[in-house]
Protein backbone atom coordinates (compact mmCIF):
# COMPACT_ATOMS: atom_id res chain seq x y z
CA MET A 1 22.56 -12.91 -8.72
CA SER A 2 22.62 -11.56 -5.17
CA LEU A 3 20.75 -13.05 -2.23
CA ILE A 4 19.01 -11.71 0.86
CA LYS A 5 18.52 -13.98 3.86
CA VAL A 6 15.52 -13.44 6.11
CA GLU A 7 16.77 -13.68 9.69
CA GLN A 8 13.49 -12.44 11.16
CA PRO A 9 10.41 -11.78 9.00
CA GLY A 10 8.66 -9.29 11.26
CA PHE A 11 4.91 -9.31 11.82
CA LEU A 12 3.80 -9.56 8.17
CA THR A 13 6.35 -9.14 5.40
CA HIS A 14 5.70 -10.17 1.81
CA ILE A 15 6.63 -9.43 -1.79
CA GLN A 16 4.54 -6.85 -3.63
CA ASP A 17 4.59 -5.00 -6.91
CA LEU A 18 1.78 -2.80 -8.26
CA GLY A 19 -0.63 -5.74 -8.56
CA ARG A 20 -2.23 -8.02 -11.13
CA TYR A 21 -4.89 -6.35 -13.22
CA GLY A 22 -7.37 -7.78 -15.69
CA TYR A 23 -8.50 -10.85 -13.72
CA ALA A 24 -11.47 -9.54 -11.75
CA HIS A 25 -13.82 -11.51 -14.02
CA LEU A 26 -12.07 -14.63 -12.69
CA GLY A 27 -12.57 -13.51 -9.09
CA VAL A 28 -8.94 -12.41 -8.59
CA SER A 29 -8.46 -8.88 -7.25
CA ALA A 30 -5.34 -6.87 -8.03
CA SER A 31 -3.56 -7.14 -4.65
CA GLY A 32 -0.26 -5.23 -4.90
CA ALA A 33 1.29 -2.69 -2.56
CA ALA A 34 -1.04 -1.25 0.06
CA ASP A 35 0.75 2.08 -0.35
CA ALA A 36 1.58 2.12 -4.04
CA VAL A 37 2.99 5.67 -3.93
CA SER A 38 5.72 4.62 -1.47
CA LEU A 39 6.56 1.55 -3.55
CA ARG A 40 6.81 3.61 -6.73
CA LEU A 41 9.07 6.19 -5.09
CA GLY A 42 11.31 3.48 -3.66
CA ASN A 43 11.77 1.90 -7.05
CA LEU A 44 12.46 5.26 -8.68
CA LEU A 45 15.14 5.94 -6.10
CA VAL A 46 17.08 2.77 -6.92
CA GLY A 47 16.61 3.04 -10.68
CA ASN A 48 14.02 0.26 -11.04
CA PRO A 49 10.83 0.27 -13.08
CA GLU A 50 8.04 1.54 -10.81
CA ASN A 51 6.43 -1.92 -10.87
CA ALA A 52 9.50 -3.84 -9.65
CA ALA A 53 8.87 -6.30 -6.82
CA ALA A 54 9.87 -5.16 -3.33
CA LEU A 55 9.18 -6.07 0.30
CA GLU A 56 6.20 -4.68 2.14
CA MET A 57 6.39 -4.79 5.95
CA THR A 58 3.42 -4.28 8.26
CA LEU A 59 3.53 -2.77 11.79
CA VAL A 60 6.75 -4.60 12.80
CA GLY A 61 9.66 -4.98 10.39
CA GLY A 62 12.11 -7.80 9.89
CA THR A 63 15.86 -8.39 9.88
CA PHE A 64 17.71 -9.20 6.65
CA GLU A 65 21.30 -10.13 5.80
CA PHE A 66 22.72 -9.22 2.40
CA GLU A 67 25.07 -11.72 0.83
CA SER A 68 26.19 -9.30 -1.89
CA ASN A 69 26.58 -5.55 -2.35
CA ALA A 70 23.32 -3.77 -3.08
CA ILE A 71 21.68 -0.37 -3.45
CA ILE A 72 18.47 0.02 -1.48
CA ALA A 73 15.82 2.56 -0.57
CA ILE A 74 13.35 2.44 2.32
CA THR A 75 10.05 4.27 1.95
CA GLY A 76 6.67 4.52 3.62
CA SER A 77 6.35 4.69 7.40
CA ASP A 78 9.26 4.98 9.81
CA PHE A 79 10.21 1.52 11.11
CA GLU A 80 13.52 2.89 12.47
CA PRO A 81 15.73 1.05 9.93
CA LYS A 82 19.34 0.39 10.93
CA LEU A 83 22.22 -1.02 8.92
CA ASP A 84 24.67 -2.81 11.23
CA GLY A 85 23.29 -0.68 14.06
CA ASN A 86 23.49 2.66 12.21
CA SER A 87 20.25 4.54 11.54
CA LEU A 88 19.22 4.99 7.92
CA PRO A 89 17.26 7.83 6.31
CA LEU A 90 13.97 7.19 4.55
CA TYR A 91 13.35 8.05 0.88
CA THR A 92 17.11 8.03 0.18
CA THR A 93 19.37 5.61 -1.69
CA VAL A 94 21.74 3.66 0.53
CA ASP A 95 24.73 1.44 -0.30
CA VAL A 96 24.74 -1.98 1.36
CA LYS A 97 27.83 -4.16 1.51
CA ALA A 98 28.00 -7.95 1.53
CA GLY A 99 27.51 -9.21 5.05
CA ASN A 100 25.60 -6.12 6.23
CA LYS A 101 22.54 -6.70 8.38
CA LEU A 102 19.45 -4.52 7.89
CA GLN A 103 17.10 -4.38 10.87
CA PHE A 104 13.67 -2.81 11.26
CA SER A 105 11.71 -2.17 14.45
CA ALA A 106 8.04 -1.48 15.16
CA THR A 107 6.50 1.39 13.23
CA LYS A 108 6.67 4.89 14.67
CA SER A 109 4.13 6.26 12.21
CA GLY A 110 1.69 4.61 9.83
CA ALA A 111 1.30 0.92 9.08
CA ARG A 112 3.67 -0.11 6.29
CA CYS A 113 7.17 0.43 4.94
CA TYR A 114 8.88 -0.79 1.77
CA LEU A 115 12.34 -2.15 1.08
CA CYS A 116 13.28 -1.66 -2.57
CA VAL A 117 16.50 -3.14 -3.94
CA ARG A 118 18.17 -2.13 -7.19
CA GLY A 119 17.24 -4.83 -9.71
CA GLY A 120 14.07 -5.82 -7.84
CA ILE A 121 13.20 -8.98 -5.93
CA ASP A 122 13.28 -11.95 -8.29
CA CYS A 123 10.28 -14.28 -8.17
CA SER A 124 8.17 -15.98 -10.81
CA PRO A 125 5.10 -13.96 -11.81
CA VAL A 126 1.63 -15.45 -11.35
CA LEU A 127 -1.04 -13.97 -13.61
CA SER A 128 1.45 -11.34 -14.77
CA SER A 129 2.42 -10.13 -11.30
CA ALA A 130 4.87 -10.92 -8.50
CA SER A 131 2.53 -9.58 -5.82
CA THR A 132 1.52 -11.84 -2.95
CA HIS A 133 -2.23 -12.37 -2.66
CA LEU A 134 -2.27 -13.53 0.95
CA LEU A 135 -5.88 -14.70 1.09
CA THR A 136 -5.49 -17.10 -1.84
CA GLY A 137 -1.77 -17.93 -1.68
CA LEU A 138 -1.02 -16.59 -5.15
CA GLY A 139 2.31 -15.11 -6.18
CA GLY A 140 5.16 -13.73 -4.12
CA HIS A 141 7.47 -16.11 -2.26
CA GLU A 142 5.64 -19.42 -2.51
CA GLY A 143 2.35 -17.59 -2.01
CA HIS A 144 2.87 -16.66 1.64
CA ALA A 145 4.37 -14.06 3.94
CA LEU A 146 8.09 -14.44 4.53
CA LYS A 147 9.38 -16.84 7.17
CA LYS A 148 12.61 -17.12 9.12
CA ASP A 149 15.48 -18.44 6.97
CA ASP A 150 13.75 -17.75 3.66
CA THR A 151 16.19 -16.64 0.96
CA LEU A 152 15.30 -14.02 -1.63
CA SER A 153 17.01 -13.50 -4.96
CA VAL A 154 17.61 -10.07 -6.45
CA LYS A 155 17.57 -9.57 -10.20
CA ILE A 156 20.77 -8.51 -11.89
CA ALA A 157 20.53 -4.76 -12.47
CA PRO A 158 22.28 -2.71 -15.14
CA SER A 159 25.76 -1.52 -14.24
CA ASN A 160 25.88 0.98 -11.38
CA LYS A 161 28.26 3.11 -13.42
CA GLY A 162 26.75 6.56 -13.68
CA PHE A 163 24.07 5.76 -11.09
CA LEU A 164 23.29 8.83 -8.97
CA HIS A 165 22.48 8.54 -5.29
CA VAL A 166 19.36 10.57 -4.69
CA ARG A 167 16.59 11.38 -2.24
CA VAL A 168 12.97 12.39 -2.71
CA SER A 169 12.35 16.11 -2.46
CA PRO A 170 10.93 17.00 0.99
CA ASP A 171 8.44 19.31 -0.71
CA VAL A 172 7.17 16.44 -2.86
CA LEU A 173 6.86 14.17 0.18
CA LYS A 174 4.90 16.83 2.03
CA GLN A 175 2.45 17.14 -0.84
CA LEU A 176 2.07 13.39 -1.33
CA HIS A 177 1.65 12.59 2.36
CA ARG A 178 -0.89 15.23 3.24
CA GLY A 179 -3.02 14.86 6.34
CA GLY A 180 -6.65 15.68 6.88
CA ALA A 181 -9.77 13.94 5.66
CA VAL A 182 -9.71 11.10 3.13
CA ARG A 183 -11.51 12.30 0.03
CA ALA A 184 -14.34 10.30 -1.50
CA THR A 185 -16.94 10.56 -4.23
CA LEU A 186 -20.54 9.39 -3.87
CA GLY A 187 -21.02 5.67 -4.47
CA PRO A 188 -23.38 3.98 -6.94
CA GLN A 189 -26.02 3.36 -4.23
CA ALA A 190 -25.67 6.69 -2.43
CA GLU A 191 -29.44 7.20 -2.72
CA TYR A 192 -30.01 4.11 -0.55
CA PHE A 193 -28.92 6.13 2.49
CA SER A 194 -30.73 8.80 4.46
CA ASP A 195 -29.67 12.45 4.62
CA ASP A 196 -28.63 11.82 8.23
CA ALA A 197 -26.43 8.93 7.07
CA HIS A 198 -24.71 11.13 4.49
CA ALA A 199 -24.19 13.87 7.06
CA ALA A 200 -22.74 11.37 9.55
CA PHE A 201 -20.43 9.72 7.03
CA PHE A 202 -18.94 13.00 5.81
CA SER A 203 -18.72 14.80 9.15
CA THR A 204 -18.02 12.37 12.00
CA PRO A 205 -14.86 10.37 12.72
CA TYR A 206 -14.59 6.60 12.33
CA ALA A 207 -12.04 4.28 13.91
CA VAL A 208 -10.22 1.52 12.03
CA SER A 209 -11.21 -1.82 13.56
CA GLU A 210 -8.65 -4.43 14.58
CA GLU A 211 -10.56 -6.83 12.33
CA SER A 212 -9.24 -4.97 9.29
CA ASN A 213 -6.86 -6.62 6.80
CA ARG A 214 -5.73 -6.33 3.19
CA MET A 215 -9.21 -7.39 2.08
CA GLY A 216 -11.06 -4.58 3.80
CA LEU A 217 -10.79 -1.83 6.40
CA ARG A 218 -13.67 -2.24 8.83
CA LEU A 219 -14.71 1.01 10.47
CA THR A 220 -16.59 1.69 13.69
CA GLY A 221 -18.55 4.86 14.35
CA SER A 222 -21.92 6.36 13.47
CA ALA A 223 -24.21 3.68 12.02
CA LEU A 224 -25.44 4.61 8.54
CA THR A 225 -29.20 4.25 8.17
CA ARG A 226 -30.89 3.21 4.95
CA THR A 227 -33.89 4.64 3.14
CA ILE A 228 -34.06 1.60 0.84
CA ALA A 229 -34.05 -1.68 2.74
CA GLY A 230 -32.27 -4.87 1.74
CA ASP A 231 -29.11 -5.59 -0.16
CA ILE A 232 -28.55 -5.16 -3.90
CA LEU A 233 -27.92 -7.83 -6.50
CA SER A 234 -24.25 -8.70 -6.46
CA GLU A 235 -22.21 -6.54 -8.81
CA GLY A 236 -18.58 -5.82 -9.51
CA VAL A 237 -16.82 -3.77 -6.84
CA SER A 238 -13.69 -1.69 -6.93
CA LEU A 239 -10.77 -0.73 -4.72
CA GLY A 240 -11.82 1.97 -2.29
CA ALA A 241 -15.55 1.26 -2.47
CA VAL A 242 -17.25 1.90 0.88
CA GLN A 243 -19.76 -0.89 1.46
CA VAL A 244 -22.32 -0.71 4.24
CA PRO A 245 -23.68 -4.02 5.59
CA GLN A 246 -26.87 -4.31 7.63
CA ASN A 247 -25.19 -3.20 10.88
CA GLY A 248 -24.53 0.22 9.32
CA GLN A 249 -20.76 0.13 9.93
CA PRO A 250 -18.76 0.99 6.76
CA ILE A 251 -16.15 -1.28 5.17
CA ILE A 252 -13.57 0.17 2.77
CA LEU A 253 -12.65 -2.46 0.18
CA PHE A 254 -8.88 -2.77 0.09
CA VAL A 255 -6.23 -4.29 -2.19
CA GLU A 256 -7.34 -7.94 -1.79
CA HIS A 257 -11.06 -7.16 -1.88
CA GLN A 258 -13.64 -9.55 -3.25
CA THR A 259 -14.46 -8.74 -6.86
CA ALA A 260 -18.26 -8.77 -6.47
CA GLY A 261 -20.58 -7.90 -3.61
CA GLY A 262 -24.18 -7.22 -2.67
CA TYR A 263 -23.84 -4.50 -0.04
CA ALA A 264 -24.89 -0.98 -1.00
CA LYS A 265 -21.99 1.43 -1.45
CA ILE A 266 -22.34 4.95 -0.08
CA ALA A 267 -19.03 6.27 -1.38
CA ASN A 268 -15.68 5.47 -3.01
CA VAL A 269 -12.29 6.70 -1.82
CA ILE A 270 -10.56 8.57 -4.63
CA SER A 271 -7.54 7.07 -6.40
CA ALA A 272 -5.23 9.86 -5.21
CA ASP A 273 -5.90 8.81 -1.59
CA PHE A 274 -5.61 5.01 -1.97
CA HIS A 275 -2.05 5.09 -0.63
CA ARG A 276 -3.26 6.79 2.55
CA LEU A 277 -5.49 3.80 3.28
CA GLY A 278 -2.38 1.61 3.24
CA GLN A 279 -0.91 3.54 6.17
CA LEU A 280 -3.94 3.23 8.48
CA ARG A 281 -3.42 1.18 11.63
CA PRO A 282 -5.98 -0.41 13.92
CA ARG A 283 -7.61 2.25 16.13
CA ASP A 284 -6.51 5.10 13.82
CA GLU A 285 -9.14 7.73 13.22
CA ILE A 286 -10.38 8.50 9.72
CA ARG A 287 -12.67 11.24 8.43
CA PHE A 288 -14.14 11.63 4.95
CA GLU A 289 -14.57 14.64 2.69
CA LYS A 290 -17.02 14.57 -0.24
CA ILE A 291 -15.70 15.77 -3.58
CA SER A 292 -16.83 15.48 -7.20
CA ILE A 293 -15.60 13.05 -9.86
CA GLU A 294 -14.06 16.01 -11.71
CA GLN A 295 -12.11 17.03 -8.61
CA ALA A 296 -10.97 13.44 -8.08
CA VAL A 297 -9.58 13.23 -11.62
CA ALA A 298 -7.78 16.56 -11.23
CA LEU A 299 -6.22 15.45 -7.94
CA LEU A 300 -4.98 12.20 -9.48
CA ARG A 301 -3.38 14.14 -12.34
CA GLU A 302 -1.65 16.43 -9.82
CA GLN A 303 -0.37 13.42 -7.89
CA GLU A 304 1.02 11.76 -11.02
CA LYS A 305 2.95 14.93 -11.86
CA LEU A 306 4.69 14.68 -8.48
CA ILE A 307 5.82 11.07 -8.92
CA GLY A 308 8.76 10.80 -11.29
CA ARG A 309 12.44 11.49 -11.79
CA GLN A 310 11.78 15.18 -11.32
CA SER A 311 10.90 14.51 -7.67
CA LEU A 312 14.44 13.24 -6.93
CA LEU A 313 17.32 15.38 -5.66
CA PRO A 314 21.02 14.42 -5.70
CA ILE A 315 22.59 13.67 -2.33
C-alpha cells in the first residue's frame, strides 16, 4: 500500500467520491464531488472506477509528498500543478516517483480541482460512501478537511502492465465545459412567483455570494417577488433546487444541502449543469436559461455519451 503525506492542505481539501445516496429520509444528503464530471474523468484517466475516492481542492491547493510510485491525473480547474517544480498538464495521466512532491497554487480558473490516484484513496466508507460531509463530519479522512501532516493511503491497483497513458480529448472537454447560461427547469412552486420575478430570474445576472458553501450557493441580484405569500409546508428538496426565502434572493441547493425545506422553489438547475455549479467562485456571475424537462433529459443523455473510455486519447 502506498502513502501520500500532506505537507500543506491548501484552503479546503477533502476526500470525495460520487456521494452517498439513499439516506435523504434520514436527513443525510449525498455530498460527493462538487464537480462530479471532473472527478469521473480523472478516475477514468487512471483506470479507476468512476466512483473511486479522490481529493477535491477548493480555491487554493495543497502540497503532497508521494512515498511510493503512482499514476495520477489532475482535473477540474487550473491550480497550476507542479511536480518537483515542473508544470503538469490537466486531464492527462502522469507518472509520479517515490519522493516526488506535488504542489498546487491558487486557482486560475474556476473553484475546484481533483487529484485522482490509480487505485483510489483508501478510507473506510460511511453509509456506503467515502465522501466527506463537512457539515456533519461524516466520512472521508476522520470526517474533516485534510490537515498538515495527515497521511493518506492509496488502494493497491491492478498491475500497471498494459496500462495506457492517456488524455481527455480536447473536443470532449470543450463540449463538457461549455460556457453561457446555466440551464434550469421550472420548480414545483413556480406559480408562487410573479411574471416579473420569472422574467428577472431568467434574464438578469446574479452574483455568487461569499456566504456560499457546499450546502448552498447564495445569490445576490434582482429580488424575486411572490404572488402567493408565506412559505410552504416543508417537503423534500433536491440538488440544484433554487429556493427563494422572504428576502427574494435565490439560493441554489448544493451537494450538502438540507434534505427538506419550506421555501418556495422557482426553478431547478438541470443535472447536466450540476458540475458547472461546482466551479463557481464567490463574486462569479451566473445567468439562467429556462428549458423543458424533455430538453434536460436529452442534454443529460448527451453528456453521458461524452464521459467514458471513448473520450480518452493515447499520449
